[in-house]
């Protein structure tokens, strides 16, 4: 399953099809951002085998300098993404795609390649892949956040931020 309505938050069991969907989407993205992208990575919980996740594929595109994100704008729009101009994540230019405007299946974050966001997000992903206790703790944190913010993605993200920041600081 891939896709989540804007006013809903829930976790689903890990789906091996997410890896295949990322591989497919990476090819699509590479074809249009290749000249500017230094890297394209699957991150977030859907990138961690066996982990429950919101069914939205999170993708990092790394560019350098960060101002080159603008060169991704029109090509991503042509692929069916829309630009979330006011997403509120410093250093991230976020594009979403879904079956329609009310549902998200993919989120692309364009960040500075090898910058803080690139490195810390991939380090967090890799730590989750290596450590089953960390995966369990993070899953519990996400479930608590969903219980407190079942309809607000922004609230959900804010509720789990301290946990993520603590883990990232230890890496």
N, C-alpha and C. Protein backbone atom coordinates (compact mmCIF):
# COMPACT_ATOMS: atom_id res chain seq x y z
N UNK A 1 0.84 -1.19 0.00
CA UNK A 1 0.00 0.00 0.00
C UNK A 1 0.87 1.24 0.00
N UNK A 2 0.53 2.18 -0.83
CA UNK A 2 1.24 3.44 -0.89
C UNK A 2 0.19 4.53 -1.08
N UNK A 3 0.18 5.51 -0.20
CA UNK A 3 -0.74 6.63 -0.30
C UNK A 3 -1.41 6.93 1.02
N UNK A 4 -1.50 8.23 1.33
CA UNK A 4 -2.09 8.68 2.58
C UNK A 4 -2.81 10.00 2.32
N UNK A 5 -4.09 10.04 2.70
CA UNK A 5 -4.87 11.27 2.56
C UNK A 5 -4.26 12.34 3.47
N UNK A 6 -4.44 13.61 3.09
CA UNK A 6 -3.86 14.73 3.85
C UNK A 6 -4.34 14.80 5.29
N UNK A 7 -5.55 14.44 5.56
CA UNK A 7 -6.09 14.58 6.92
C UNK A 7 -6.05 13.27 7.70
N UNK A 8 -5.15 12.38 7.34
CA UNK A 8 -5.05 11.09 8.02
C UNK A 8 -3.60 10.76 8.34
N UNK A 9 -3.40 10.15 9.49
CA UNK A 9 -2.08 9.65 9.89
C UNK A 9 -2.27 8.24 10.40
N UNK A 10 -1.58 7.31 9.83
CA UNK A 10 -1.56 5.94 10.36
C UNK A 10 -0.33 5.24 9.84
N UNK A 11 0.05 4.18 10.54
CA UNK A 11 1.20 3.37 10.14
C UNK A 11 0.68 2.07 9.55
N UNK A 12 1.43 1.54 8.59
CA UNK A 12 1.14 0.24 8.02
C UNK A 12 2.39 -0.63 8.16
N UNK A 13 2.19 -1.93 8.03
CA UNK A 13 3.31 -2.86 8.07
C UNK A 13 4.23 -2.59 6.88
N UNK A 14 5.50 -2.89 7.06
CA UNK A 14 6.47 -2.73 5.98
C UNK A 14 6.02 -3.50 4.74
N UNK A 15 6.22 -2.90 3.59
CA UNK A 15 5.85 -3.51 2.32
C UNK A 15 7.11 -3.59 1.44
N UNK A 16 7.57 -4.78 1.09
CA UNK A 16 8.75 -4.91 0.23
C UNK A 16 8.60 -4.19 -1.11
N UNK A 17 7.37 -3.96 -1.54
CA UNK A 17 7.14 -3.24 -2.80
C UNK A 17 7.66 -1.81 -2.74
N UNK A 18 7.86 -1.27 -1.54
CA UNK A 18 8.38 0.09 -1.43
C UNK A 18 9.77 0.21 -2.05
N UNK A 19 10.60 -0.81 -1.88
CA UNK A 19 11.94 -0.78 -2.50
C UNK A 19 11.83 -0.71 -4.01
N UNK A 20 10.94 -1.51 -4.58
CA UNK A 20 10.75 -1.51 -6.03
C UNK A 20 10.19 -0.19 -6.51
N UNK A 21 9.24 0.36 -5.75
CA UNK A 21 8.68 1.66 -6.12
C UNK A 21 9.75 2.74 -6.07
N UNK A 22 10.63 2.69 -5.06
CA UNK A 22 11.71 3.68 -5.01
C UNK A 22 12.61 3.53 -6.23
N UNK A 23 12.99 2.31 -6.57
CA UNK A 23 13.87 2.09 -7.72
C UNK A 23 13.23 2.66 -8.99
N UNK A 24 11.94 2.43 -9.15
CA UNK A 24 11.22 2.96 -10.31
C UNK A 24 11.22 4.49 -10.29
N UNK A 25 10.91 5.06 -9.12
CA UNK A 25 10.83 6.52 -9.02
C UNK A 25 12.21 7.15 -9.17
N UNK A 26 13.23 6.49 -8.68
CA UNK A 26 14.60 7.02 -8.83
C UNK A 26 14.96 7.13 -10.31
N UNK A 27 14.58 6.12 -11.10
CA UNK A 27 14.84 6.19 -12.55
C UNK A 27 14.11 7.37 -13.17
N UNK A 28 12.84 7.54 -12.81
CA UNK A 28 12.06 8.67 -13.34
C UNK A 28 12.72 10.00 -12.97
N UNK A 29 13.09 10.12 -11.69
CA UNK A 29 13.70 11.36 -11.21
C UNK A 29 15.06 11.60 -11.87
N UNK A 30 15.86 10.55 -11.96
CA UNK A 30 17.20 10.68 -12.57
C UNK A 30 17.11 11.22 -13.99
N UNK A 31 16.11 10.77 -14.72
CA UNK A 31 15.96 11.21 -16.10
C UNK A 31 15.75 12.70 -16.23
N UNK A 32 15.19 13.35 -15.21
CA UNK A 32 14.89 14.77 -15.33
C UNK A 32 15.79 15.67 -14.47
N UNK A 33 16.41 15.13 -13.42
CA UNK A 33 17.26 15.98 -12.56
C UNK A 33 18.72 15.58 -12.61
N UNK A 34 19.05 14.62 -13.46
CA UNK A 34 20.42 14.10 -13.57
C UNK A 34 21.48 15.20 -13.68
N UNK A 35 21.29 16.22 -14.49
CA UNK A 35 22.36 17.21 -14.62
C UNK A 35 22.69 17.95 -13.33
N UNK A 36 21.71 18.07 -12.43
CA UNK A 36 21.93 18.86 -11.22
C UNK A 36 22.04 17.99 -9.96
N UNK A 37 21.38 16.85 -9.93
CA UNK A 37 21.36 16.01 -8.72
C UNK A 37 22.70 15.29 -8.54
N UNK A 38 23.25 15.39 -7.35
CA UNK A 38 24.48 14.66 -7.00
C UNK A 38 24.14 13.31 -6.38
N UNK A 39 22.91 13.18 -5.89
CA UNK A 39 22.48 11.92 -5.29
C UNK A 39 20.98 11.89 -5.12
N UNK A 40 20.43 10.68 -5.18
CA UNK A 40 19.00 10.46 -4.95
C UNK A 40 18.92 9.26 -4.02
N UNK A 41 18.32 9.46 -2.83
CA UNK A 41 18.28 8.42 -1.81
C UNK A 41 16.87 8.22 -1.27
N UNK A 42 16.56 6.99 -0.96
CA UNK A 42 15.32 6.62 -0.27
C UNK A 42 15.61 6.75 1.22
N UNK A 43 14.79 7.50 1.93
CA UNK A 43 15.01 7.64 3.37
C UNK A 43 13.67 7.63 4.06
N UNK A 44 13.66 7.80 5.36
CA UNK A 44 12.42 7.70 6.10
C UNK A 44 12.11 6.24 6.39
N UNK A 45 11.02 6.01 7.07
CA UNK A 45 10.68 4.66 7.54
C UNK A 45 10.41 3.67 6.43
N UNK A 46 9.92 4.13 5.26
CA UNK A 46 9.68 3.19 4.17
C UNK A 46 10.99 2.64 3.61
N UNK A 47 12.11 3.23 3.99
CA UNK A 47 13.43 2.76 3.54
C UNK A 47 14.06 1.78 4.51
N UNK A 48 13.33 1.40 5.56
CA UNK A 48 13.88 0.53 6.61
C UNK A 48 13.09 -0.78 6.62
N UNK A 49 13.72 -1.85 6.17
CA UNK A 49 13.05 -3.16 6.10
C UNK A 49 12.47 -3.54 7.45
N UNK A 50 11.20 -3.98 7.42
CA UNK A 50 10.54 -4.47 8.61
C UNK A 50 9.92 -3.40 9.49
N UNK A 51 10.09 -2.13 9.15
CA UNK A 51 9.59 -1.07 10.02
C UNK A 51 8.21 -0.59 9.57
N UNK A 52 7.31 -0.41 10.53
CA UNK A 52 6.02 0.20 10.23
C UNK A 52 6.26 1.64 9.79
N UNK A 53 5.42 2.11 8.88
CA UNK A 53 5.63 3.45 8.33
C UNK A 53 4.32 4.03 7.85
N UNK A 54 4.29 5.35 7.75
CA UNK A 54 3.23 5.99 6.98
C UNK A 54 3.49 5.59 5.53
N UNK A 55 2.47 5.26 4.77
CA UNK A 55 2.69 4.77 3.41
C UNK A 55 2.95 5.89 2.39
N UNK A 56 4.02 6.63 2.66
CA UNK A 56 4.47 7.70 1.76
C UNK A 56 5.97 7.48 1.55
N UNK A 57 6.38 7.44 0.30
CA UNK A 57 7.79 7.23 -0.03
C UNK A 57 8.53 8.55 0.10
N UNK A 58 9.52 8.62 0.99
CA UNK A 58 10.34 9.82 1.18
C UNK A 58 11.63 9.68 0.40
N UNK A 59 11.95 10.71 -0.38
CA UNK A 59 13.11 10.69 -1.26
C UNK A 59 13.91 11.97 -1.05
N UNK A 60 15.23 11.82 -0.90
CA UNK A 60 16.14 12.97 -0.84
C UNK A 60 16.80 13.13 -2.21
N UNK A 61 16.81 14.34 -2.69
CA UNK A 61 17.62 14.69 -3.86
C UNK A 61 18.65 15.69 -3.37
N UNK A 62 19.92 15.38 -3.56
CA UNK A 62 20.99 16.27 -3.13
C UNK A 62 21.52 17.09 -4.29
N UNK A 63 21.58 18.40 -4.10
CA UNK A 63 22.14 19.31 -5.09
C UNK A 63 23.21 20.17 -4.41
N UNK A 64 24.14 20.66 -5.20
CA UNK A 64 25.14 21.57 -4.66
C UNK A 64 25.49 22.58 -5.75
N UNK A 65 25.38 23.85 -5.47
CA UNK A 65 24.92 24.47 -4.23
C UNK A 65 23.40 24.32 -4.07
N UNK A 66 22.91 24.59 -2.87
CA UNK A 66 21.49 24.44 -2.59
C UNK A 66 20.62 25.28 -3.53
N UNK A 67 21.13 26.42 -3.96
CA UNK A 67 20.36 27.27 -4.87
C UNK A 67 19.98 26.54 -6.16
N UNK A 68 20.69 25.47 -6.48
CA UNK A 68 20.37 24.70 -7.68
C UNK A 68 19.06 23.92 -7.55
N UNK A 69 18.42 23.96 -6.37
CA UNK A 69 17.13 23.31 -6.23
C UNK A 69 16.15 23.83 -7.28
N UNK A 70 16.31 25.11 -7.65
CA UNK A 70 15.40 25.71 -8.62
C UNK A 70 15.45 25.01 -9.97
N UNK A 71 16.61 24.39 -10.30
CA UNK A 71 16.73 23.66 -11.55
C UNK A 71 15.93 22.36 -11.52
N UNK A 72 15.50 21.94 -10.34
CA UNK A 72 14.67 20.74 -10.19
C UNK A 72 13.18 21.08 -10.28
N UNK A 73 12.84 22.34 -10.05
CA UNK A 73 11.44 22.74 -9.92
C UNK A 73 10.58 22.32 -11.12
N UNK A 74 10.89 22.85 -12.29
CA UNK A 74 10.05 22.56 -13.46
C UNK A 74 10.08 21.09 -13.87
N UNK A 75 11.26 20.44 -13.86
CA UNK A 75 11.26 19.01 -14.19
C UNK A 75 10.40 18.17 -13.24
N UNK A 76 10.40 18.50 -11.95
CA UNK A 76 9.57 17.76 -11.00
C UNK A 76 8.08 18.02 -11.25
N UNK A 77 7.74 19.25 -11.59
CA UNK A 77 6.35 19.55 -11.91
C UNK A 77 5.89 18.74 -13.12
N UNK A 78 6.77 18.60 -14.11
CA UNK A 78 6.42 17.81 -15.30
C UNK A 78 6.21 16.34 -14.97
N UNK A 79 6.83 15.85 -13.89
CA UNK A 79 6.63 14.46 -13.47
C UNK A 79 5.38 14.27 -12.61
N UNK A 80 4.66 15.36 -12.37
CA UNK A 80 3.43 15.25 -11.60
C UNK A 80 3.56 15.65 -10.14
N UNK A 81 4.71 16.17 -9.76
CA UNK A 81 4.89 16.66 -8.39
C UNK A 81 4.37 18.09 -8.31
N UNK A 82 3.99 18.49 -7.10
CA UNK A 82 3.68 19.89 -6.87
C UNK A 82 4.62 20.40 -5.79
N UNK A 83 4.91 21.68 -5.87
CA UNK A 83 5.87 22.29 -4.94
C UNK A 83 5.15 22.78 -3.71
N UNK A 84 5.62 22.35 -2.54
CA UNK A 84 5.05 22.78 -1.26
C UNK A 84 5.87 23.97 -0.77
N UNK A 85 5.55 25.13 -1.29
CA UNK A 85 6.36 26.33 -1.04
C UNK A 85 6.47 26.68 0.44
N UNK A 86 5.48 26.38 1.23
CA UNK A 86 5.49 26.76 2.64
C UNK A 86 5.53 25.55 3.55
N UNK A 87 6.36 24.56 3.21
CA UNK A 87 6.41 23.32 3.99
C UNK A 87 7.04 23.52 5.37
N UNK A 88 7.84 24.57 5.52
CA UNK A 88 8.37 24.91 6.84
C UNK A 88 9.53 24.08 7.34
N UNK A 89 10.25 23.42 6.45
CA UNK A 89 11.43 22.66 6.86
C UNK A 89 12.64 23.41 6.34
N UNK A 90 13.40 24.06 7.22
CA UNK A 90 14.54 24.86 6.77
C UNK A 90 15.53 24.03 5.95
N UNK A 91 15.96 24.59 4.83
CA UNK A 91 16.94 23.92 3.98
C UNK A 91 16.37 22.82 3.10
N UNK A 92 15.05 22.64 3.14
CA UNK A 92 14.39 21.62 2.31
C UNK A 92 13.42 22.30 1.35
N UNK A 93 13.48 21.89 0.11
CA UNK A 93 12.49 22.30 -0.88
C UNK A 93 11.70 21.04 -1.19
N UNK A 94 10.42 21.04 -0.84
CA UNK A 94 9.63 19.81 -0.79
C UNK A 94 8.59 19.79 -1.91
N UNK A 95 8.53 18.63 -2.56
CA UNK A 95 7.59 18.39 -3.64
C UNK A 95 6.81 17.13 -3.30
N UNK A 96 5.51 17.16 -3.55
CA UNK A 96 4.67 16.00 -3.27
C UNK A 96 3.98 15.50 -4.52
N UNK A 97 3.71 14.21 -4.51
CA UNK A 97 2.98 13.59 -5.61
C UNK A 97 2.00 12.59 -5.03
N UNK A 98 0.89 12.43 -5.70
CA UNK A 98 -0.11 11.47 -5.26
C UNK A 98 -1.07 11.15 -6.38
N UNK A 99 -2.02 10.29 -6.06
CA UNK A 99 -3.02 9.93 -7.06
C UNK A 99 -3.94 11.10 -7.39
N UNK A 100 -4.13 11.98 -6.44
CA UNK A 100 -4.86 13.22 -6.66
C UNK A 100 -4.36 14.22 -5.62
N UNK A 101 -4.88 15.41 -5.63
CA UNK A 101 -4.39 16.47 -4.73
C UNK A 101 -4.69 16.20 -3.26
N UNK A 102 -5.57 15.24 -2.95
CA UNK A 102 -5.92 14.99 -1.55
C UNK A 102 -5.10 13.87 -0.92
N UNK A 103 -4.22 13.24 -1.70
CA UNK A 103 -3.47 12.09 -1.18
C UNK A 103 -2.01 12.18 -1.62
N UNK A 104 -1.11 11.81 -0.72
CA UNK A 104 0.31 11.79 -1.03
C UNK A 104 0.80 10.35 -1.12
N UNK A 105 1.59 10.07 -2.14
CA UNK A 105 2.26 8.78 -2.26
C UNK A 105 3.77 8.95 -2.19
N UNK A 106 4.26 10.12 -2.61
CA UNK A 106 5.69 10.40 -2.67
C UNK A 106 5.96 11.81 -2.16
N UNK A 107 7.05 11.96 -1.43
CA UNK A 107 7.55 13.29 -1.05
C UNK A 107 9.03 13.35 -1.43
N UNK A 108 9.39 14.38 -2.16
CA UNK A 108 10.78 14.61 -2.53
C UNK A 108 11.26 15.84 -1.77
N UNK A 109 12.39 15.67 -1.09
CA UNK A 109 13.03 16.78 -0.39
C UNK A 109 14.33 17.09 -1.13
N UNK A 110 14.43 18.27 -1.70
CA UNK A 110 15.67 18.70 -2.34
C UNK A 110 16.46 19.45 -1.30
N UNK A 111 17.65 18.94 -1.00
CA UNK A 111 18.51 19.51 0.04
C UNK A 111 19.93 19.65 -0.50
N UNK A 112 20.78 20.28 0.28
CA UNK A 112 22.18 20.43 -0.11
C UNK A 112 22.90 19.09 0.00
N UNK A 113 23.47 18.65 -1.10
CA UNK A 113 24.21 17.39 -1.12
C UNK A 113 25.39 17.46 -0.15
N UNK A 114 25.48 16.47 0.72
CA UNK A 114 26.50 16.35 1.76
C UNK A 114 26.40 17.44 2.82
N UNK A 115 25.30 18.20 2.81
CA UNK A 115 25.03 19.19 3.85
C UNK A 115 24.46 18.49 5.09
N UNK A 116 24.13 19.27 6.08
CA UNK A 116 23.64 18.73 7.35
C UNK A 116 22.39 17.87 7.18
N UNK A 117 21.40 18.36 6.44
CA UNK A 117 20.16 17.59 6.26
C UNK A 117 20.42 16.28 5.52
N UNK A 118 21.21 16.34 4.47
CA UNK A 118 21.55 15.14 3.70
C UNK A 118 22.19 14.10 4.62
N UNK A 119 23.25 14.51 5.29
CA UNK A 119 24.03 13.58 6.11
C UNK A 119 23.25 13.07 7.33
N UNK A 120 22.55 13.95 8.02
CA UNK A 120 21.86 13.52 9.24
C UNK A 120 20.66 12.62 8.93
N UNK A 121 19.94 12.91 7.86
CA UNK A 121 18.81 12.06 7.50
C UNK A 121 19.26 10.67 7.06
N UNK A 122 20.34 10.59 6.32
CA UNK A 122 20.83 9.28 5.90
C UNK A 122 21.47 8.52 7.06
N UNK A 123 22.12 9.24 7.97
CA UNK A 123 22.68 8.58 9.16
C UNK A 123 21.56 8.02 10.03
N UNK A 124 20.46 8.76 10.17
CA UNK A 124 19.32 8.28 10.95
C UNK A 124 18.72 7.03 10.29
N UNK A 125 18.53 7.08 8.98
CA UNK A 125 18.01 5.91 8.25
C UNK A 125 18.91 4.70 8.47
N UNK A 126 20.21 4.91 8.32
CA UNK A 126 21.16 3.79 8.45
C UNK A 126 21.19 3.24 9.88
N UNK A 127 21.06 4.11 10.87
CA UNK A 127 21.01 3.66 12.26
C UNK A 127 19.76 2.79 12.49
N UNK A 128 18.63 3.21 11.93
CA UNK A 128 17.40 2.41 12.04
C UNK A 128 17.57 1.05 11.35
N UNK A 129 18.25 1.02 10.24
CA UNK A 129 18.47 -0.24 9.52
C UNK A 129 19.32 -1.20 10.34
N UNK A 130 20.28 -0.68 11.09
CA UNK A 130 21.21 -1.51 11.86
C UNK A 130 20.69 -1.96 13.21
N UNK A 131 19.83 -1.17 13.83
CA UNK A 131 19.52 -1.35 15.25
C UNK A 131 18.04 -1.65 15.48
N UNK A 132 17.72 -2.91 15.79
CA UNK A 132 16.32 -3.30 15.99
C UNK A 132 15.71 -2.62 17.21
N UNK A 133 16.51 -2.36 18.26
CA UNK A 133 15.97 -1.67 19.44
C UNK A 133 15.60 -0.23 19.11
N UNK A 134 16.42 0.42 18.31
CA UNK A 134 16.12 1.78 17.88
C UNK A 134 14.85 1.79 17.01
N UNK A 135 14.71 0.82 16.12
CA UNK A 135 13.50 0.71 15.30
C UNK A 135 12.26 0.58 16.18
N UNK A 136 12.33 -0.29 17.19
CA UNK A 136 11.19 -0.48 18.10
C UNK A 136 10.87 0.81 18.85
N UNK A 137 11.89 1.49 19.33
CA UNK A 137 11.67 2.73 20.08
C UNK A 137 11.08 3.81 19.17
N UNK A 138 11.57 3.89 17.96
CA UNK A 138 11.06 4.90 17.03
C UNK A 138 9.62 4.57 16.61
N UNK A 139 9.32 3.31 16.40
CA UNK A 139 7.95 2.91 16.07
C UNK A 139 7.01 3.30 17.20
N UNK A 140 7.42 3.04 18.44
CA UNK A 140 6.58 3.43 19.59
C UNK A 140 6.39 4.94 19.64
N UNK A 141 7.44 5.69 19.35
CA UNK A 141 7.34 7.16 19.33
C UNK A 141 6.37 7.62 18.25
N UNK A 142 6.45 7.01 17.08
CA UNK A 142 5.53 7.37 15.99
C UNK A 142 4.09 7.02 16.35
N UNK A 143 3.87 5.90 17.00
CA UNK A 143 2.52 5.52 17.41
C UNK A 143 1.96 6.50 18.43
N UNK A 144 2.80 6.96 19.37
CA UNK A 144 2.36 7.98 20.33
C UNK A 144 2.00 9.28 19.61
N UNK A 145 2.83 9.66 18.65
CA UNK A 145 2.59 10.90 17.91
C UNK A 145 1.29 10.81 17.10
N UNK A 146 1.02 9.67 16.51
CA UNK A 146 -0.22 9.49 15.76
C UNK A 146 -1.43 9.54 16.69
N UNK A 147 -1.30 8.94 17.87
CA UNK A 147 -2.41 8.97 18.83
C UNK A 147 -2.74 10.41 19.24
N UNK A 148 -1.73 11.27 19.34
CA UNK A 148 -1.96 12.66 19.74
C UNK A 148 -2.29 13.57 18.57
N UNK A 149 -1.88 13.18 17.34
CA UNK A 149 -2.14 14.00 16.16
C UNK A 149 -2.62 13.15 15.00
N UNK A 150 -3.79 12.53 15.15
CA UNK A 150 -4.25 11.58 14.12
C UNK A 150 -4.62 12.21 12.77
N UNK A 151 -4.83 13.51 12.74
CA UNK A 151 -5.25 14.12 11.48
C UNK A 151 -4.31 15.22 11.00
N UNK A 152 -3.26 15.52 11.75
CA UNK A 152 -2.35 16.61 11.38
C UNK A 152 -0.95 16.08 11.15
N UNK A 153 -0.50 16.12 9.91
CA UNK A 153 0.85 15.69 9.58
C UNK A 153 1.88 16.59 10.23
N UNK A 154 1.62 17.88 10.29
CA UNK A 154 2.56 18.82 10.92
C UNK A 154 2.70 18.52 12.41
N UNK A 155 1.58 18.28 13.08
CA UNK A 155 1.62 17.96 14.51
C UNK A 155 2.35 16.64 14.74
N UNK A 156 2.06 15.64 13.94
CA UNK A 156 2.74 14.35 14.02
C UNK A 156 4.25 14.52 13.91
N UNK A 157 4.68 15.28 12.91
CA UNK A 157 6.12 15.50 12.72
C UNK A 157 6.74 16.24 13.90
N UNK A 158 6.04 17.22 14.43
CA UNK A 158 6.55 17.98 15.57
C UNK A 158 6.64 17.11 16.82
N UNK A 159 5.67 16.23 17.02
CA UNK A 159 5.64 15.38 18.21
C UNK A 159 6.80 14.37 18.23
N UNK A 160 7.28 13.98 17.10
CA UNK A 160 8.39 13.01 17.08
C UNK A 160 9.76 13.67 16.86
N UNK A 161 9.76 14.98 16.70
CA UNK A 161 11.01 15.71 16.40
C UNK A 161 12.07 15.55 17.50
N UNK A 162 11.68 15.64 18.77
CA UNK A 162 12.67 15.55 19.85
C UNK A 162 13.36 14.19 19.84
N UNK A 163 12.61 13.14 19.59
CA UNK A 163 13.21 11.80 19.52
C UNK A 163 14.23 11.75 18.39
N UNK A 164 13.84 12.20 17.22
CA UNK A 164 14.73 12.17 16.05
C UNK A 164 15.97 13.01 16.31
N UNK A 165 15.78 14.22 16.83
CA UNK A 165 16.93 15.10 17.11
C UNK A 165 17.89 14.49 18.11
N UNK A 166 17.36 13.82 19.13
CA UNK A 166 18.22 13.17 20.13
C UNK A 166 19.05 12.06 19.50
N UNK A 167 18.41 11.24 18.66
CA UNK A 167 19.13 10.16 18.00
C UNK A 167 20.19 10.74 17.06
N UNK A 168 19.80 11.72 16.25
CA UNK A 168 20.75 12.32 15.30
C UNK A 168 21.96 12.92 16.02
N UNK A 169 21.72 13.53 17.17
CA UNK A 169 22.83 14.15 17.93
C UNK A 169 23.82 13.10 18.44
N UNK A 170 23.35 11.87 18.59
CA UNK A 170 24.22 10.81 19.10
C UNK A 170 24.98 10.08 17.99
N UNK A 171 24.65 10.37 16.75
CA UNK A 171 25.29 9.65 15.63
C UNK A 171 26.60 10.30 15.21
